[in-house]
Amino acid sequence: MAISTISTNLGQDQEIWNSLKQAIAKSYGFQRWQEENTLETDIDDQVKQYLRSTLETLAY
C-alpha cells in the first residue's frame, strides 16, 4: 500500500511540475532570460536554471 501511495504522489508531482514548467516557459521574464542566456539544454533544465537564477537574484 505504501508503494502505491508513493507512486501516486510522484505522478501528481510530475503533473504539477509539467504545468508549472509550461507556465514559466510562456512567461515574458523567462523568454527574455532565454534570449540573454542561449543554452543548448532541454526546456526542463532551462526552467530549473531560470528559477535558480531568479532566486539567487532575489536573495541579494
PDB file of N, CA and C in Angstrom:
ATOM      1  N   MET A   1       0.816  -1.188   0.000  1.00  0.00           N
ATOM      2  CA  MET A   1       0.000   0.000   0.000  1.00  0.00           C
ATOM      3  C   MET A   1       0.865   1.260   0.000  1.00  0.00           C
ATOM      4  N   ALA A   2       1.953   1.258   0.725  1.00  0.00           N
ATOM      5  CA  ALA A   2       2.832   2.418   0.772  1.00  0.00           C
ATOM      6  C   ALA A   2       3.440   2.700  -0.599  1.00  0.00           C
ATOM      7  N   ILE A   3       3.811   1.679  -1.326  1.00  0.00           N
ATOM      8  CA  ILE A   3       4.385   1.854  -2.656  1.00  0.00           C
ATOM      9  C   ILE A   3       3.367   2.492  -3.594  1.00  0.00           C
ATOM     10  N   SER A   4       2.125   2.079  -3.501  1.00  0.00           N
ATOM     11  CA  SER A   4       1.071   2.644  -4.335  1.00  0.00           C
ATOM     12  C   SER A   4       0.894   4.128  -4.049  1.00  0.00           C
ATOM     13  N   THR A   5       0.925   4.508  -2.788  1.00  0.00           N
ATOM     14  CA  THR A   5       0.781   5.912  -2.399  1.00  0.00           C
ATOM     15  C   THR A   5       1.957   6.732  -2.911  1.00  0.00           C
ATOM     16  N   ILE A   6       3.166   6.202  -2.798  1.00  0.00           N
ATOM     17  CA  ILE A   6       4.353   6.920  -3.263  1.00  0.00           C
ATOM     18  C   ILE A   6       4.294   7.131  -4.768  1.00  0.00           C
ATOM     19  N   SER A   7       3.952   6.090  -5.519  1.00  0.00           N
ATOM     20  CA  SER A   7       3.911   6.237  -6.972  1.00  0.00           C
ATOM     21  C   SER A   7       2.807   7.198  -7.394  1.00  0.00           C
ATOM     22  N   THR A   8       1.699   7.227  -6.671  1.00  0.00           N
ATOM     23  CA  THR A   8       0.629   8.185  -6.972  1.00  0.00           C
ATOM     24  C   THR A   8       1.107   9.600  -6.714  1.00  0.00           C
ATOM     25  N   ASN A   9       1.798   9.813  -5.600  1.00  0.00           N
ATOM     26  CA  ASN A   9       2.323  11.142  -5.284  1.00  0.00           C
ATOM     27  C   ASN A   9       3.352  11.586  -6.315  1.00  0.00           C
ATOM     28  N   LEU A  10       4.196  10.683  -6.757  1.00  0.00           N
ATOM     29  CA  LEU A  10       5.193  11.030  -7.771  1.00  0.00           C
ATOM     30  C   LEU A  10       4.522  11.434  -9.074  1.00  0.00           C
ATOM     31  N   GLY A  11       3.468  10.741  -9.421  1.00  0.00           N
ATOM     32  CA  GLY A  11       2.723  11.083 -10.632  1.00  0.00           C
ATOM     33  C   GLY A  11       2.087  12.456 -10.516  1.00  0.00           C
ATOM     34  N   GLN A  12       1.534  12.760  -9.352  1.00  0.00           N
ATOM     35  CA  GLN A  12       0.931  14.074  -9.121  1.00  0.00           C
ATOM     36  C   GLN A  12       2.003  15.161  -9.136  1.00  0.00           C
ATOM     37  N   ASP A  13       3.144  14.882  -8.519  1.00  0.00           N
ATOM     38  CA  ASP A  13       4.244  15.853  -8.516  1.00  0.00           C
ATOM     39  C   ASP A  13       4.707  16.141  -9.935  1.00  0.00           C
ATOM     40  N   GLN A  14       4.783  15.108 -10.762  1.00  0.00           N
ATOM     41  CA  GLN A  14       5.211  15.288 -12.149  1.00  0.00           C
ATOM     42  C   GLN A  14       4.202  16.128 -12.919  1.00  0.00           C
ATOM     43  N   GLU A  15       2.921  15.906 -12.675  1.00  0.00           N
ATOM     44  CA  GLU A  15       1.888  16.708 -13.332  1.00  0.00           C
ATOM     45  C   GLU A  15       1.996  18.173 -12.923  1.00  0.00           C
ATOM     46  N   ILE A  16       2.211  18.408 -11.644  1.00  0.00           N
ATOM     47  CA  ILE A  16       2.356  19.783 -11.143  1.00  0.00           C
ATOM     48  C   ILE A  16       3.582  20.434 -11.768  1.00  0.00           C
ATOM     49  N   TRP A  17       4.713  19.720 -11.785  1.00  0.00           N
ATOM     50  CA  TRP A  17       5.939  20.271 -12.367  1.00  0.00           C
ATOM     51  C   TRP A  17       5.740  20.595 -13.843  1.00  0.00           C
ATOM     52  N   ASN A  18       5.083  19.708 -14.590  1.00  0.00           N
ATOM     53  CA  ASN A  18       4.860  19.954 -16.017  1.00  0.00           C
ATOM     54  C   ASN A  18       4.002  21.190 -16.236  1.00  0.00           C
ATOM     55  N   SER A  19       2.963  21.362 -15.427  1.00  0.00           N
ATOM     56  CA  SER A  19       2.110  22.550 -15.547  1.00  0.00           C
ATOM     57  C   SER A  19       2.883  23.815 -15.198  1.00  0.00           C
ATOM     58  N   LEU A  20       3.641  23.756 -14.124  1.00  0.00           N
ATOM     59  CA  LEU A  20       4.439  24.901 -13.699  1.00  0.00           C
ATOM     60  C   LEU A  20       5.486  25.248 -14.745  1.00  0.00           C
ATOM     61  N   LYS A  21       6.147  24.238 -15.267  1.00  0.00           N
ATOM     62  CA  LYS A  21       7.181  24.437 -16.291  1.00  0.00           C
ATOM     63  C   LYS A  21       6.589  25.101 -17.532  1.00  0.00           C
ATOM     64  N   GLN A  22       5.429  24.672 -17.950  1.00  0.00           N
ATOM     65  CA  GLN A  22       4.782  25.270 -19.127  1.00  0.00           C
ATOM     66  C   GLN A  22       4.415  26.724 -18.871  1.00  0.00           C
ATOM     67  N   ALA A  23       3.905  27.022 -17.680  1.00  0.00           N
ATOM     68  CA  ALA A  23       3.528  28.398 -17.347  1.00  0.00           C
ATOM     69  C   ALA A  23       4.757  29.299 -17.314  1.00  0.00           C
ATOM     70  N   ILE A  24       5.844  28.814 -16.739  1.00  0.00           N
ATOM     71  CA  ILE A  24       7.077  29.595 -16.676  1.00  0.00           C
ATOM     72  C   ILE A  24       7.632  29.819 -18.071  1.00  0.00           C
ATOM     73  N   ALA A  25       7.640  28.784 -18.891  1.00  0.00           N
ATOM     74  CA  ALA A  25       8.190  28.888 -20.248  1.00  0.00           C
ATOM     75  C   ALA A  25       7.422  29.895 -21.100  1.00  0.00           C
ATOM     76  N   LYS A  26       6.148  30.111 -20.803  1.00  0.00           N
ATOM     77  CA  LYS A  26       5.342  31.069 -21.551  1.00  0.00           C
ATOM     78  C   LYS A  26       5.480  32.495 -21.026  1.00  0.00           C
ATOM     79  N   SER A  27       6.100  32.655 -19.864  1.00  0.00           N
ATOM     80  CA  SER A  27       6.173  33.980 -19.246  1.00  0.00           C
ATOM     81  C   SER A  27       7.178  34.881 -19.969  1.00  0.00           C
ATOM     82  N   TYR A  28       6.905  36.167 -19.923  1.00  0.00           N
ATOM     83  CA  TYR A  28       7.773  37.152 -20.562  1.00  0.00           C
ATOM     84  C   TYR A  28       9.160  37.131 -19.930  1.00  0.00           C
ATOM     85  N   GLY A  29       9.211  37.033 -18.602  1.00  0.00           N
ATOM     86  CA  GLY A  29      10.501  37.032 -17.905  1.00  0.00           C
ATOM     87  C   GLY A  29      11.387  35.887 -18.345  1.00  0.00           C
ATOM     88  N   PHE A  30      10.809  34.709 -18.473  1.00  0.00           N
ATOM     89  CA  PHE A  30      11.581  33.553 -18.911  1.00  0.00           C
ATOM     90  C   PHE A  30      12.049  33.732 -20.341  1.00  0.00           C
ATOM     91  N   GLN A  31      11.169  34.205 -21.206  1.00  0.00           N
ATOM     92  CA  GLN A  31      11.540  34.372 -22.616  1.00  0.00           C
ATOM     93  C   GLN A  31      12.667  35.394 -22.768  1.00  0.00           C
ATOM     94  N   ARG A  32      12.609  36.464 -21.983  1.00  0.00           N
ATOM     95  CA  ARG A  32      13.683  37.452 -22.031  1.00  0.00           C
ATOM     96  C   ARG A  32      14.984  36.859 -21.503  1.00  0.00           C
ATOM     97  N   TRP A  33      14.900  36.111 -20.402  1.00  0.00           N
ATOM     98  CA  TRP A  33      16.068  35.464 -19.832  1.00  0.00           C
ATOM     99  C   TRP A  33      16.663  34.483 -20.842  1.00  0.00           C
ATOM    100  N   GLN A  34      15.801  33.759 -21.537  1.00  0.00           N
ATOM    101  CA  GLN A  34      16.227  32.762 -22.519  1.00  0.00           C
ATOM    102  C   GLN A  34      17.004  33.425 -23.662  1.00  0.00           C
ATOM    103  N   GLU A  35      16.566  34.615 -24.084  1.00  0.00           N
ATOM    104  CA  GLU A  35      17.279  35.342 -25.147  1.00  0.00           C
ATOM    105  C   GLU A  35      18.677  35.754 -24.697  1.00  0.00           C
ATOM    106  N   GLU A  36      18.803  36.113 -23.429  1.00  0.00           N
ATOM    107  CA  GLU A  36      20.092  36.549 -22.885  1.00  0.00           C
ATOM    108  C   GLU A  36      21.003  35.376 -22.552  1.00  0.00           C
ATOM    109  N   ASN A  37      20.448  34.220 -22.361  1.00  0.00           N
ATOM    110  CA  ASN A  37      21.203  33.036 -21.945  1.00  0.00           C
ATOM    111  C   ASN A  37      20.970  31.903 -22.923  1.00  0.00           C
ATOM    112  N   THR A  38      21.590  31.967 -24.060  1.00  0.00           N
ATOM    113  CA  THR A  38      21.409  30.912 -25.054  1.00  0.00           C
ATOM    114  C   THR A  38      22.046  29.622 -24.543  1.00  0.00           C
ATOM    115  N   LEU A  39      21.200  28.677 -24.249  1.00  0.00           N
ATOM    116  CA  LEU A  39      21.644  27.398 -23.711  1.00  0.00           C
ATOM    117  C   LEU A  39      21.192  26.286 -24.638  1.00  0.00           C
ATOM    118  N   GLU A  40      21.992  25.283 -24.739  1.00  0.00           N
ATOM    119  CA  GLU A  40      21.636  24.151 -25.594  1.00  0.00           C
ATOM    120  C   GLU A  40      21.205  22.963 -24.737  1.00  0.00           C
ATOM    121  N   THR A  41      20.295  23.255 -23.820  1.00  0.00           N
ATOM    122  CA  THR A  41      19.752  22.193 -22.975  1.00  0.00           C
ATOM    123  C   THR A  41      18.248  22.130 -23.187  1.00  0.00           C
ATOM    124  N   ASP A  42      17.643  21.097 -22.666  1.00  0.00           N
ATOM    125  CA  ASP A  42      16.195  20.961 -22.840  1.00  0.00           C
ATOM    126  C   ASP A  42      15.457  21.967 -21.960  1.00  0.00           C
ATOM    127  N   ILE A  43      14.188  22.140 -22.228  1.00  0.00           N
ATOM    128  CA  ILE A  43      13.377  23.148 -21.552  1.00  0.00           C
ATOM    129  C   ILE A  43      13.322  22.898 -20.047  1.00  0.00           C
ATOM    130  N   ASP A  44      13.329  21.654 -19.642  1.00  0.00           N
ATOM    131  CA  ASP A  44      13.306  21.303 -18.229  1.00  0.00           C
ATOM    132  C   ASP A  44      14.511  21.908 -17.513  1.00  0.00           C
ATOM    133  N   ASP A  45      15.698  21.706 -18.073  1.00  0.00           N
ATOM    134  CA  ASP A  45      16.914  22.253 -17.472  1.00  0.00           C
ATOM    135  C   ASP A  45      16.948  23.770 -17.544  1.00  0.00           C
ATOM    136  N   GLN A  46      16.433  24.337 -18.624  1.00  0.00           N
ATOM    137  CA  GLN A  46      16.402  25.797 -18.746  1.00  0.00           C
ATOM    138  C   GLN A  46      15.516  26.419 -17.673  1.00  0.00           C
ATOM    139  N   VAL A  47      14.344  25.835 -17.439  1.00  0.00           N
ATOM    140  CA  VAL A  47      13.443  26.362 -16.421  1.00  0.00           C
ATOM    141  C   VAL A  47      14.080  26.245 -15.039  1.00  0.00           C
ATOM    142  N   LYS A  48      14.732  25.124 -14.765  1.00  0.00           N
ATOM    143  CA  LYS A  48      15.406  24.960 -13.475  1.00  0.00           C
ATOM    144  C   LYS A  48      16.497  26.005 -13.297  1.00  0.00           C
ATOM    145  N   GLN A  49      17.271  26.255 -14.341  1.00  0.00           N
ATOM    146  CA  GLN A  49      18.335  27.253 -14.261  1.00  0.00           C
ATOM    147  C   GLN A  49      17.751  28.665 -14.110  1.00  0.00           C
ATOM    148  N   TYR A  50      16.663  28.945 -14.806  1.00  0.00           N
ATOM    149  CA  TYR A  50      15.986  30.228 -14.690  1.00  0.00           C
ATOM    150  C   TYR A  50      15.492  30.448 -13.259  1.00  0.00           C
ATOM    151  N   LEU A  51      14.863  29.435 -12.677  1.00  0.00           N
ATOM    152  CA  LEU A  51      14.374  29.551 -11.308  1.00  0.00           C
ATOM    153  C   LEU A  51      15.521  29.752 -10.327  1.00  0.00           C
ATOM    154  N   ARG A  52      16.604  29.017 -10.516  1.00  0.00           N
ATOM    155  CA  ARG A  52      17.774  29.149  -9.658  1.00  0.00           C
ATOM    156  C   ARG A  52      18.325  30.570  -9.747  1.00  0.00           C
ATOM    157  N   SER A  53      18.466  31.076 -10.965  1.00  0.00           N
ATOM    158  CA  SER A  53      18.987  32.422 -11.188  1.00  0.00           C
ATOM    159  C   SER A  53      18.074  33.474 -10.561  1.00  0.00           C
ATOM    160  N   THR A  54      16.775  33.313 -10.730  1.00  0.00           N
ATOM    161  CA  THR A  54      15.821  34.250 -10.173  1.00  0.00           C
ATOM    162  C   THR A  54      15.873  34.256  -8.650  1.00  0.00           C
ATOM    163  N   LEU A  55      15.945  33.092  -8.054  1.00  0.00           N
ATOM    164  CA  LEU A  55      16.024  33.010  -6.587  1.00  0.00           C
ATOM    165  C   LEU A  55      17.318  33.601  -6.062  1.00  0.00           C
ATOM    166  N   GLU A  56      18.420  33.398  -6.770  1.00  0.00           N
ATOM    167  CA  GLU A  56      19.700  33.984  -6.356  1.00  0.00           C
ATOM    168  C   GLU A  56      19.619  35.510  -6.405  1.00  0.00           C
ATOM    169  N   THR A  57      18.977  36.032  -7.428  1.00  0.00           N
ATOM    170  CA  THR A  57      18.823  37.485  -7.549  1.00  0.00           C
ATOM    171  C   THR A  57      17.974  38.023  -6.411  1.00  0.00           C
ATOM    172  N   LEU A  58      16.902  37.334  -6.088  1.00  0.00           N
ATOM    173  CA  LEU A  58      16.029  37.767  -5.008  1.00  0.00           C
ATOM    174  C   LEU A  58      16.713  37.677  -3.644  1.00  0.00           C
ATOM    175  N   ALA A  59      17.652  36.771  -3.516  1.00  0.00           N
ATOM    176  CA  ALA A  59      18.343  36.583  -2.236  1.00  0.00           C
ATOM    177  C   ALA A  59      19.246  37.777  -1.900  1.00  0.00           C
ATOM    178  N   TYR A  60      19.682  38.522  -2.910  1.00  0.00           N
ATOM    179  CA  TYR A  60      20.544  39.684  -2.658  1.00  0.00           C
ATOM    180  C   TYR A  60      19.727  40.785  -2.177  1.00  0.00           C
TER     181      TYR A  60
END
